[in-house]
Protein backbone atom coordinates (compact mmCIF):
# COMPACT_ATOMS: atom_id res chain seq x y z
CA MET A 1 -20.99 2.70 -71.61
CA THR A 2 -19.86 0.35 -68.86
CA ARG A 3 -16.52 1.34 -67.23
CA MET A 4 -14.00 -1.45 -67.71
CA THR A 5 -12.07 -1.89 -64.48
CA LEU A 6 -9.18 -4.29 -63.93
CA PRO A 7 -11.38 -6.86 -62.12
CA ARG A 8 -13.91 -6.80 -64.99
CA LEU A 9 -11.17 -7.25 -67.61
CA ALA A 10 -9.71 -10.16 -65.64
CA ALA A 11 -13.11 -11.80 -65.40
CA LEU A 12 -13.80 -11.40 -69.10
CA ALA A 13 -10.36 -12.78 -69.99
CA ALA A 14 -10.96 -15.79 -67.80
CA LEU A 15 -14.35 -16.38 -69.38
CA PHE A 16 -12.81 -16.01 -72.86
CA VAL A 17 -10.22 -18.72 -72.10
CA ALA A 18 -12.92 -20.91 -70.61
CA ALA A 19 -15.06 -20.39 -73.69
CA LEU A 20 -12.29 -21.44 -76.06
CA THR A 21 -11.52 -24.51 -73.98
CA GLY A 22 -15.15 -25.38 -73.53
CA GLY A 23 -15.75 -24.92 -77.25
CA ALA A 24 -13.08 -27.43 -78.05
CA LEU A 25 -14.33 -30.02 -75.57
CA ARG A 26 -18.08 -29.50 -75.45
CA ALA A 27 -18.97 -27.34 -78.46
CA GLN A 28 -22.34 -28.97 -78.78
CA ASP A 29 -23.46 -27.94 -75.25
CA GLN A 30 -22.19 -24.37 -75.06
CA SER A 31 -23.97 -21.33 -76.39
CA VAL A 32 -23.16 -17.69 -76.72
CA ASP A 33 -26.29 -16.75 -74.73
CA ALA A 34 -25.19 -18.82 -71.70
CA LEU A 35 -21.76 -17.21 -71.68
CA LEU A 36 -23.25 -13.72 -71.86
CA GLU A 37 -25.51 -14.50 -68.84
CA LYS A 38 -22.45 -15.55 -66.83
CA VAL A 39 -20.63 -12.34 -67.80
CA LYS A 40 -23.57 -10.22 -66.64
CA ALA A 41 -23.73 -12.12 -63.30
CA LEU A 42 -20.01 -11.64 -62.68
CA GLU A 43 -20.22 -7.92 -63.50
CA ALA A 44 -23.09 -7.50 -61.04
CA ARG A 45 -21.11 -9.28 -58.30
CA ILE A 46 -18.03 -7.15 -58.95
CA GLY A 47 -20.18 -4.04 -58.70
CA GLU A 48 -21.50 -5.17 -55.29
CA LEU A 49 -17.95 -5.78 -53.99
CA GLU A 50 -16.79 -2.34 -55.14
CA SER A 51 -19.77 -0.70 -53.40
CA ASP A 52 -18.95 -2.53 -50.15
CA ARG A 53 -15.35 -1.47 -50.51
CA ALA A 54 -16.35 2.19 -50.82
CA ALA A 55 -18.63 1.99 -47.76
CA ASN A 56 -16.13 0.02 -45.61
CA PRO A 57 -12.62 0.87 -46.76
CA ALA A 58 -10.84 -1.02 -43.93
CA SER A 59 -10.76 -4.74 -44.63
CA ALA A 60 -10.52 -7.34 -41.88
CA LEU A 61 -6.81 -7.71 -42.65
CA GLU A 62 -6.28 -3.96 -42.46
CA SER A 63 -8.09 -3.87 -39.10
CA GLU A 64 -5.79 -6.55 -37.71
CA VAL A 65 -2.72 -4.68 -38.95
CA ASN A 66 -4.00 -1.49 -37.27
CA ALA A 67 -4.55 -3.38 -34.04
CA LEU A 68 -1.01 -4.78 -34.06
CA THR A 69 0.51 -1.41 -34.78
CA GLY A 70 -1.66 0.35 -32.21
CA ALA A 71 -3.17 2.65 -34.83
CA ALA A 72 -6.77 1.97 -33.85
CA TYR A 73 -6.42 -0.41 -30.88
CA TYR A 74 -7.79 1.80 -28.12
CA GLY A 75 -10.27 3.82 -30.11
CA GLY A 76 -13.82 3.62 -28.72
CA GLN A 77 -13.50 0.72 -26.26
CA ASP A 78 -16.85 -0.73 -25.15
CA LEU A 79 -16.93 -1.46 -21.40
CA GLY A 80 -19.22 -4.26 -20.34
CA VAL A 81 -20.79 -4.05 -16.86
CA SER A 82 -20.48 -7.05 -14.54
CA TRP A 83 -20.55 -7.94 -10.84
CA ALA A 84 -17.46 -9.51 -9.25
CA ASN A 85 -17.98 -8.59 -5.57
CA THR A 86 -18.06 -5.00 -6.81
CA THR A 87 -19.36 -3.24 -9.92
CA ARG A 88 -16.88 -3.63 -12.78
CA HIS A 89 -16.69 -2.03 -16.21
CA THR A 90 -14.37 -4.15 -18.34
CA SER A 91 -13.36 -4.11 -21.98
CA GLU A 92 -13.40 -7.35 -23.93
CA ASP A 93 -9.61 -7.50 -24.10
CA LYS A 94 -9.27 -6.70 -20.33
CA ALA A 95 -7.06 -3.68 -21.13
CA PHE A 96 -9.55 -1.45 -19.31
CA ASP A 97 -11.06 -2.61 -16.00
CA ILE A 98 -12.77 0.00 -13.82
CA LYS A 99 -14.21 -0.81 -10.37
CA ILE A 100 -16.69 1.37 -8.47
CA GLY A 101 -17.75 0.50 -4.92
CA GLY A 102 -17.49 1.15 -1.23
CA ARG A 103 -18.23 -0.23 2.25
CA ILE A 104 -20.47 0.50 5.21
CA GLN A 105 -19.68 -0.63 8.75
CA THR A 106 -22.21 0.26 11.45
CA ASP A 107 -21.25 -0.52 15.07
CA PHE A 108 -23.36 -0.88 18.21
CA VAL A 109 -21.20 -1.01 21.37
CA PHE A 110 -22.08 -1.50 25.03
CA GLY A 111 -19.51 -1.23 27.83
CA THR A 112 -18.99 -1.57 31.55
CA GLU A 113 -16.01 -0.93 33.81
CA ASP A 114 -14.68 -1.33 37.34
CA ASP A 115 -14.25 1.57 39.77
CA SER A 116 -10.56 1.97 39.03
CA PHE A 117 -11.16 2.34 35.30
CA GLU A 118 -13.98 4.83 35.90
CA ASN A 119 -11.79 6.91 38.21
CA SER A 120 -8.95 6.87 35.67
CA PHE A 121 -10.73 7.28 32.34
CA GLY A 122 -14.31 8.20 33.23
CA PRO A 123 -17.49 6.15 32.94
CA VAL A 124 -17.94 3.90 29.94
CA GLY A 125 -20.88 4.83 27.72
CA ASP A 126 -22.85 2.93 25.09
CA TYR A 127 -22.65 4.27 21.57
CA VAL A 128 -23.55 3.75 17.93
CA GLU A 129 -21.26 4.86 15.11
CA PHE A 130 -20.52 4.45 11.44
CA ARG A 131 -17.04 2.99 11.77
CA ARG A 132 -16.44 3.27 8.06
CA ALA A 133 -18.51 4.74 5.21
CA ARG A 134 -16.30 4.65 2.13
CA LEU A 135 -16.60 5.12 -1.61
CA PHE A 136 -13.91 4.34 -4.15
CA ILE A 137 -13.10 4.07 -7.81
CA SER A 138 -10.13 2.04 -8.96
CA GLY A 139 -8.93 0.12 -11.94
CA THR A 140 -6.52 -0.50 -14.77
CA ILE A 141 -6.28 1.44 -18.03
CA TYR A 142 -4.22 0.65 -21.13
CA SER A 143 -3.29 -2.73 -19.58
CA ASN A 144 -0.47 -1.51 -17.35
CA VAL A 145 -1.52 1.69 -15.54
CA PHE A 146 -3.59 1.31 -12.36
CA PHE A 147 -5.10 3.74 -9.87
CA LYS A 148 -7.34 4.09 -6.81
CA ALA A 149 -9.17 6.98 -5.16
CA GLN A 150 -10.89 6.06 -1.88
CA TYR A 151 -12.52 8.41 0.62
CA ASP A 152 -14.12 7.81 4.02
CA PHE A 153 -17.14 9.87 5.18
CA ALA A 154 -17.50 8.30 8.65
CA GLY A 155 -17.10 10.50 11.71
CA THR A 156 -17.49 14.12 10.62
CA GLY A 157 -19.24 13.41 7.32
CA ALA A 158 -16.44 15.15 5.43
CA ALA A 159 -14.33 13.21 2.96
CA VAL A 160 -11.12 11.87 4.51
CA TRP A 161 -8.41 10.61 2.16
CA LYS A 162 -7.55 6.91 2.35
CA ASP A 163 -5.92 5.17 -0.62
CA VAL A 164 -5.21 7.74 -3.33
CA TYR A 165 -2.53 6.62 -5.77
CA ILE A 166 -1.49 5.77 -9.31
CA GLY A 167 0.81 2.96 -10.40
CA LEU A 168 2.53 1.07 -13.18
CA LYS A 169 2.46 -2.72 -13.57
CA LYS A 170 5.17 -5.18 -14.54
CA VAL A 171 8.09 -2.80 -14.81
CA PRO A 172 11.32 -4.73 -15.47
CA VAL A 173 13.45 -5.37 -12.35
CA VAL A 174 11.28 -3.38 -9.89
CA GLY A 175 7.89 -5.05 -10.57
CA HIS A 176 5.01 -2.71 -9.68
CA ILE A 177 5.43 0.98 -8.85
CA VAL A 178 2.90 2.84 -6.69
CA VAL A 179 2.94 6.63 -6.14
CA GLY A 180 0.59 8.49 -3.79
CA GLN A 181 -1.00 7.80 -0.40
CA PHE A 182 -1.22 4.12 0.55
CA LYS A 183 -0.58 1.72 3.44
CA GLN A 184 3.09 1.36 4.15
CA PRO A 185 4.36 -2.25 3.89
CA MET A 186 4.33 -3.42 7.50
CA SER A 187 2.26 -6.04 9.35
CA LEU A 188 0.02 -8.76 7.95
CA GLU A 189 -2.92 -7.53 10.02
CA GLU A 190 -2.47 -3.90 8.93
CA ILE A 191 -2.13 -4.72 5.23
CA THR A 192 -5.21 -6.97 5.31
CA SER A 193 -8.21 -4.79 4.45
CA SER A 194 -10.70 -3.87 7.16
CA LYS A 195 -13.24 -5.69 4.96
CA TYR A 196 -11.40 -8.95 5.57
CA ILE A 197 -9.90 -8.78 9.09
CA SER A 198 -11.44 -11.35 11.41
CA PHE A 199 -12.20 -9.09 14.38
CA MET A 200 -13.91 -5.71 14.54
CA GLU A 201 -10.58 -3.97 15.28
CA ARG A 202 -6.90 -4.74 14.85
CA ALA A 203 -4.74 -5.87 17.76
CA LEU A 204 -3.16 -3.51 20.32
CA PRO A 205 0.43 -3.42 18.96
CA VAL A 206 -0.72 -3.11 15.33
CA GLU A 207 -2.59 0.12 16.07
CA ALA A 208 0.31 1.47 18.12
CA PHE A 209 3.32 0.64 15.92
CA ALA A 210 2.26 0.09 12.27
CA PRO A 211 2.71 3.30 10.21
CA SER A 212 -0.50 2.79 8.14
CA ARG A 213 -1.09 5.34 5.32
CA HIS A 214 1.37 8.00 4.21
CA THR A 215 2.44 9.60 0.91
CA GLY A 216 5.40 8.22 -1.00
CA ILE A 217 6.56 5.76 -3.64
CA MET A 218 6.59 1.98 -3.30
CA PHE A 219 8.04 -0.88 -5.34
CA HIS A 220 6.65 -4.39 -4.86
CA ASP A 221 6.46 -7.74 -6.62
CA THR A 222 6.45 -11.50 -6.15
CA CYS A 223 9.08 -14.01 -7.17
CA MET A 224 10.07 -17.69 -6.91
CA ASP A 225 7.79 -20.55 -7.98
CA ASP A 226 4.05 -19.85 -7.66
CA ASP A 227 4.74 -16.29 -6.40
CA ARG A 228 5.82 -17.67 -3.01
CA LEU A 229 7.94 -14.67 -2.01
CA PHE A 230 6.42 -11.20 -1.76
CA TRP A 231 8.64 -8.16 -1.29
CA ALA A 232 7.95 -4.44 -0.94
CA ILE A 233 10.00 -1.34 -0.23
CA SER A 234 8.58 2.13 0.28
CA VAL A 235 10.00 5.62 0.75
CA TYR A 236 7.53 8.12 2.21
CA ARG A 237 6.85 11.28 4.17
CA GLU A 238 4.56 11.45 7.17
CA ALA A 239 1.57 13.30 5.74
CA ASP A 240 -1.54 15.10 6.93
CA SER A 241 -5.16 14.06 6.39
CA THR A 242 -5.05 15.02 2.71
CA GLY A 243 -1.78 13.28 1.95
CA ASP A 244 0.36 16.43 1.98
CA ALA A 245 3.79 16.78 3.59
CA ILE A 246 5.38 20.22 3.23
CA ASP A 247 8.61 21.37 4.89
CA ASP A 248 8.02 23.64 7.84
CA ASP A 249 10.76 25.93 6.47
CA ILE A 250 8.12 27.67 4.33
CA GLY A 251 5.76 28.11 7.26
CA ILE A 252 3.25 25.33 6.76
CA GLY A 253 2.98 21.56 6.99
CA HIS A 254 5.30 19.02 8.56
CA ASP A 255 9.01 19.08 9.23
CA GLY A 256 9.61 15.33 9.12
CA GLU A 257 12.20 13.87 6.79
CA TRP A 258 12.01 10.87 4.49
CA ASN A 259 11.18 7.50 6.01
CA PHE A 260 11.17 3.99 4.58
CA ALA A 261 9.59 0.58 5.17
CA ILE A 262 10.45 -2.92 3.93
CA ARG A 263 8.37 -6.09 4.07
CA LEU A 264 9.05 -9.70 3.08
CA ALA A 265 6.44 -12.49 3.20
CA PHE A 266 7.21 -16.08 2.23
CA VAL A 267 4.70 -18.90 1.72
CA ALA A 268 6.84 -21.75 3.01
CA TRP A 269 4.22 -24.43 2.47
CA GLU A 270 1.03 -24.60 0.42
CA GLU A 271 -1.41 -27.35 -0.55
CA GLU A 272 -4.92 -27.63 -2.03
CA GLY A 273 -4.85 -24.17 -3.58
CA GLY A 274 -4.16 -22.39 -0.29
CA LYS A 275 -6.55 -24.33 1.95
CA ARG A 276 -3.43 -25.50 3.77
CA MET A 277 -0.53 -23.06 3.98
CA LEU A 278 2.16 -21.55 6.17
CA GLU A 279 3.34 -17.96 5.75
CA ILE A 280 6.25 -16.35 7.56
CA GLY A 281 7.23 -12.72 7.20
CA ALA A 282 9.13 -9.77 8.58
CA SER A 283 9.12 -6.03 8.13
CA PHE A 284 11.20 -3.04 9.15
CA ASN A 285 10.26 0.62 9.46
CA TYR A 286 12.58 3.59 9.83
CA ARG A 287 11.07 6.96 10.79
CA ASN A 288 12.54 10.42 11.12
CA PRO A 289 9.91 12.04 13.37
CA ASP A 290 8.15 15.30 12.65
CA GLU A 291 9.96 17.95 14.74
CA GLY A 292 11.57 15.16 16.78
CA VAL A 293 8.29 14.31 18.56
CA VAL A 294 7.11 10.70 18.92
CA ARG A 295 3.92 9.32 20.44
CA PHE A 296 2.62 5.74 20.74
CA ARG A 297 -0.87 4.90 21.97
CA THR A 298 -3.78 2.52 21.46
CA ARG A 299 -7.41 1.93 22.38
CA PRO A 300 -8.77 -1.35 23.70
CA GLU A 301 -9.69 -3.61 20.80
CA ILE A 302 -12.92 -1.72 20.20
CA HIS A 303 -13.24 1.72 18.59
CA THR A 304 -14.43 3.45 21.73
CA PRO A 305 -14.59 7.26 21.97
CA GLN A 306 -13.38 6.69 25.55
CA GLY A 307 -9.87 7.24 24.27
CA ARG A 308 -6.58 5.39 24.54
CA ILE A 309 -5.91 3.09 27.47
CA VAL A 310 -2.13 3.30 27.08
CA ASP A 311 -0.31 6.38 25.79
CA THR A 312 3.30 7.51 25.97
CA ASN A 313 1.97 11.06 26.31
CA ALA A 314 -0.20 10.26 29.34
CA GLY A 315 2.49 10.28 32.03
CA THR A 316 5.63 12.16 31.02
CA GLY A 317 4.43 13.85 27.83
CA ASP A 318 5.51 13.19 24.27
CA ILE A 319 8.89 11.61 23.60
CA LEU A 320 11.00 14.63 22.62
CA ASP A 321 14.15 15.18 20.60
CA ALA A 322 13.78 11.81 18.87
CA ASP A 323 16.28 11.49 16.05
CA ASP A 324 15.22 8.05 14.80
CA VAL A 325 12.53 5.45 15.37
CA LEU A 326 13.12 1.82 14.38
CA VAL A 327 10.27 -0.72 14.32
CA PHE A 328 10.91 -4.43 13.77
CA GLN A 329 8.06 -6.89 13.11
CA LEU A 330 7.76 -10.67 12.69
CA GLU A 331 4.66 -12.59 11.54
CA ILE A 332 3.49 -16.17 11.16
CA ALA A 333 0.16 -17.33 9.68
CA LEU A 334 -1.05 -20.92 9.44
CA VAL A 335 -4.16 -22.18 7.60
CA LEU A 336 -5.30 -25.78 7.99
CA GLU A 337 -8.58 -25.70 6.09
CA SER A 338 -11.24 -24.46 8.56
CA PHE A 339 -8.66 -23.69 11.29
CA SER A 340 -6.22 -20.80 11.13
CA ALA A 341 -3.74 -19.17 13.50
CA GLN A 342 -1.93 -15.85 13.18
CA THR A 343 0.64 -14.06 15.34
CA GLU A 344 2.83 -10.96 15.13
CA PHE A 345 5.58 -9.54 17.34
CA PHE A 346 6.68 -5.86 17.35
CA TYR A 347 9.80 -4.29 18.84
CA THR A 348 10.30 -0.51 18.72
CA THR A 349 13.32 1.51 19.77
CA VAL A 350 13.60 5.33 19.85
CA ASP A 351 16.87 7.28 19.66
CA SER A 352 16.19 10.09 22.16
CA GLU A 353 18.67 11.25 24.76
CA VAL A 354 16.00 13.42 26.41
CA SER A 355 13.72 10.42 26.97
CA GLY A 356 16.47 7.89 27.66
CA ASP A 357 16.37 5.95 24.36
CA PRO A 358 13.18 4.02 25.27
CA ASP A 359 12.24 0.59 23.91
CA PHE A 360 8.67 -0.74 23.55
CA TRP A 361 7.17 -4.01 22.39
CA GLY A 362 3.99 -6.00 21.91
CA PHE A 363 2.47 -9.11 20.38
CA TYR A 364 -0.80 -10.88 19.65
CA VAL A 365 -1.96 -14.42 18.91
CA GLN A 366 -5.32 -15.13 17.29
CA LEU A 367 -7.21 -18.31 16.39
CA SER A 368 -10.05 -18.84 13.95
CA TYR A 369 -12.31 -21.80 13.16
CA PHE A 370 -15.14 -22.07 10.60
CA LEU A 371 -18.01 -24.23 11.77
CA THR A 372 -19.36 -24.46 8.22
CA GLY A 373 -16.21 -25.69 6.43
CA GLU A 374 -14.83 -22.49 4.84
CA TYR A 375 -11.24 -21.24 5.13
CA ARG A 376 -9.37 -17.91 5.13
CA PRO A 377 -7.93 -17.32 1.63
CA TYR A 378 -4.48 -15.75 1.41
CA LYS A 379 -3.59 -13.60 -1.61
CA LYS A 380 0.10 -13.98 -2.42
CA THR A 381 0.31 -10.98 -4.77
CA GLU A 382 -0.63 -8.72 -1.82
CA ALA A 383 0.72 -10.88 1.06
CA ALA A 384 -2.57 -10.44 2.90
CA PHE A 385 -5.75 -12.35 3.71
CA SER A 386 -8.66 -11.87 1.35
CA ARG A 387 -12.42 -12.37 1.00
CA VAL A 388 -14.14 -15.32 2.69
CA LYS A 389 -16.72 -16.93 0.39
CA PRO A 390 -19.42 -19.02 2.10
CA MET A 391 -20.01 -22.46 0.66
CA HIS A 392 -23.75 -21.72 0.76
CA ASN A 393 -25.04 -18.17 0.98
CA PHE A 394 -27.75 -17.35 3.46
CA GLY A 395 -31.10 -17.64 1.72
CA ASP A 396 -29.83 -20.07 -0.94
CA GLU A 397 -30.83 -23.09 1.10
CA GLY A 398 -27.85 -22.37 3.31
CA SER A 399 -26.88 -20.61 6.52
CA GLY A 400 -23.87 -18.67 5.25
CA ALA A 401 -20.48 -19.14 6.94
CA TRP A 402 -19.93 -19.07 10.71
CA GLU A 403 -16.51 -18.30 12.23
CA LEU A 404 -15.40 -18.56 15.89
CA LEU A 405 -12.57 -16.26 17.01
CA LEU A 406 -10.21 -15.81 19.97
CA ARG A 407 -7.29 -13.39 20.41
CA LEU A 408 -4.80 -12.46 23.11
CA SER A 409 -2.91 -9.14 22.78
CA TYR A 410 -0.27 -7.39 24.86
CA ILE A 411 1.55 -4.06 24.59
CA ASP A 412 4.25 -2.52 26.79
CA LEU A 413 4.87 1.25 26.51
CA GLU A 414 6.84 1.45 29.76
CA ASP A 415 10.50 2.42 30.04
CA GLU A 416 12.71 4.13 32.60
CA ALA A 417 11.86 7.64 31.47
CA VAL A 418 8.51 6.92 29.78
CA THR A 419 5.38 5.75 31.60
CA GLY A 420 3.13 4.95 28.68
CA GLY A 421 1.55 1.93 30.34
CA GLN A 422 0.88 -1.74 29.71
CA ALA A 423 -2.30 -3.46 28.55
CA TRP A 424 -3.68 -6.95 28.09
CA ASP A 425 -6.72 -7.60 25.90
CA VAL A 426 -8.62 -10.83 25.38
CA THR A 427 -11.15 -10.72 22.54
CA ALA A 428 -13.65 -13.45 21.67
CA GLY A 429 -15.92 -13.24 18.67
CA VAL A 430 -18.35 -14.76 16.22
CA THR A 431 -18.64 -13.64 12.59
CA TRP A 432 -21.58 -14.56 10.36
CA TYR A 433 -20.88 -14.25 6.63
CA LEU A 434 -24.30 -14.11 4.98
CA ASN A 435 -22.61 -14.01 1.55
CA PRO A 436 -19.20 -12.85 0.26
CA ASN A 437 -20.16 -9.17 0.73
CA THR A 438 -22.21 -9.12 3.93
CA GLN A 439 -21.13 -9.80 7.52
CA VAL A 440 -22.46 -9.53 11.06
CA LYS A 441 -19.79 -9.54 13.78
CA PHE A 442 -20.01 -9.90 17.55
CA ASN A 443 -16.93 -9.20 19.72
CA TYR A 444 -16.48 -9.35 23.48
CA VAL A 445 -13.37 -7.52 24.68
CA TYR A 446 -11.81 -7.86 28.14
CA SER A 447 -9.24 -5.09 28.61
CA ASP A 448 -6.87 -4.67 31.55
CA SER A 449 -4.60 -1.62 31.46
CA ASP A 450 -2.10 0.15 33.73
CA ASP A 451 -0.16 3.20 32.61
CA GLY A 452 1.37 4.08 35.98
CA ASN A 453 -1.06 6.94 36.45
CA ALA A 454 -4.36 5.34 35.48
CA ASP A 455 -5.49 1.74 35.34
CA GLY A 456 -8.54 -0.47 35.42
CA VAL A 457 -10.57 -3.19 33.75
CA SER A 458 -13.23 -2.62 31.12
CA HIS A 459 -15.63 -4.93 29.28
CA TRP A 460 -16.94 -4.22 25.79
CA PHE A 461 -19.70 -5.88 23.75
CA GLY A 462 -19.66 -4.88 20.09
CA PHE A 463 -21.92 -5.66 17.12
CA ARG A 464 -20.97 -4.74 13.54
CA PHE A 465 -23.21 -4.82 10.47
CA GLN A 466 -21.02 -4.67 7.37
CA ILE A 467 -21.48 -4.66 3.63
CA ASP A 468 -19.03 -3.92 0.84
CA PHE A 469 -20.03 -3.42 -2.76
């Protein structure tokens, strides 16, 4: 006997009413056999619907409700694989976006020197090195949590920590929060990735004075119309090569106290989506040195194993009994389509009665011009320059992008009680961007240094073959 469910009863009732009405209006055309056939068809359809219901209990409406309430929203996300200048695994709703990649930079360097430089620093040798050989994984999970783990294998072949952090996006009032080891917010050239800097190496004062990577917590965000103003503030400890900073009171690690850095960058003028823009910025860094010892030094603008050409330790030894170090920085960057200019000024003062409270300073000015019509893109959410994309990749009926470069740098590490030296560098270069991920760089560096105890002129010719993926 057929089980009479509520849907079947409703269907039969409807047919019964229709039969009565139809009988009154069209009695001559209706028959009992036709009505019975319709009843059987409806019962079969109801049976199919009930079977589907048993096999798939969650209706489309129920699925939407679960999604809104979060009950089943993140269960079993499918990550599609794509290429966006690195390998990306992204969910359809963008809540999960994982990037896996790295970079390789292989340098060939040839040098020569005058007699004074050879007598002071030794003969200059030619060399080949992997400047950087990095792998990383980074991304966003659950829409608002982000992370990065990046390691460099160049040099010894062992993994050296670079960016290793976790963070939280779009937190009310404070914007983004980053915790771990990362670049401290100081200097446009330092914050710009080594993948995107114009020259093979950063300028003299950037290497000497910018704090680079340490372990701490940073808050940063953008504000004003079109994200014109970037701000960042970080509190950190000076850390070792694995990001650790442990009080020396327990017998290991560093004895430095907490330090902080602040950076502001303002896009004062922008047109044509950034092809024409003016950025001005400033940053400040306060350091409480590890065991009261401070040292500033820098190579010529090539990564030579020859060593540093100016060094506060070279003449009088490290700066001792330093209570505080204050570093002030100003920056200006101008982009006028294919032409760009960039400059930074650094002033550093050390509170040290033993070393006479020394002051140091430095600056650089650099110019860039694309022969093939490209421009240097500036990313406002990071307040740094980003990836150059050739108008026509090499091999696609194009020659890639070609950039001409010139830079003048100066640093002064001399003071009454400190003979760290002075240096001028002039660097000229050409960069060939075969495509957005592949570059060939040539740099010529003229370096003239004098640290009071050693001086001389050196010439460097460097070639870099770079890919990031």
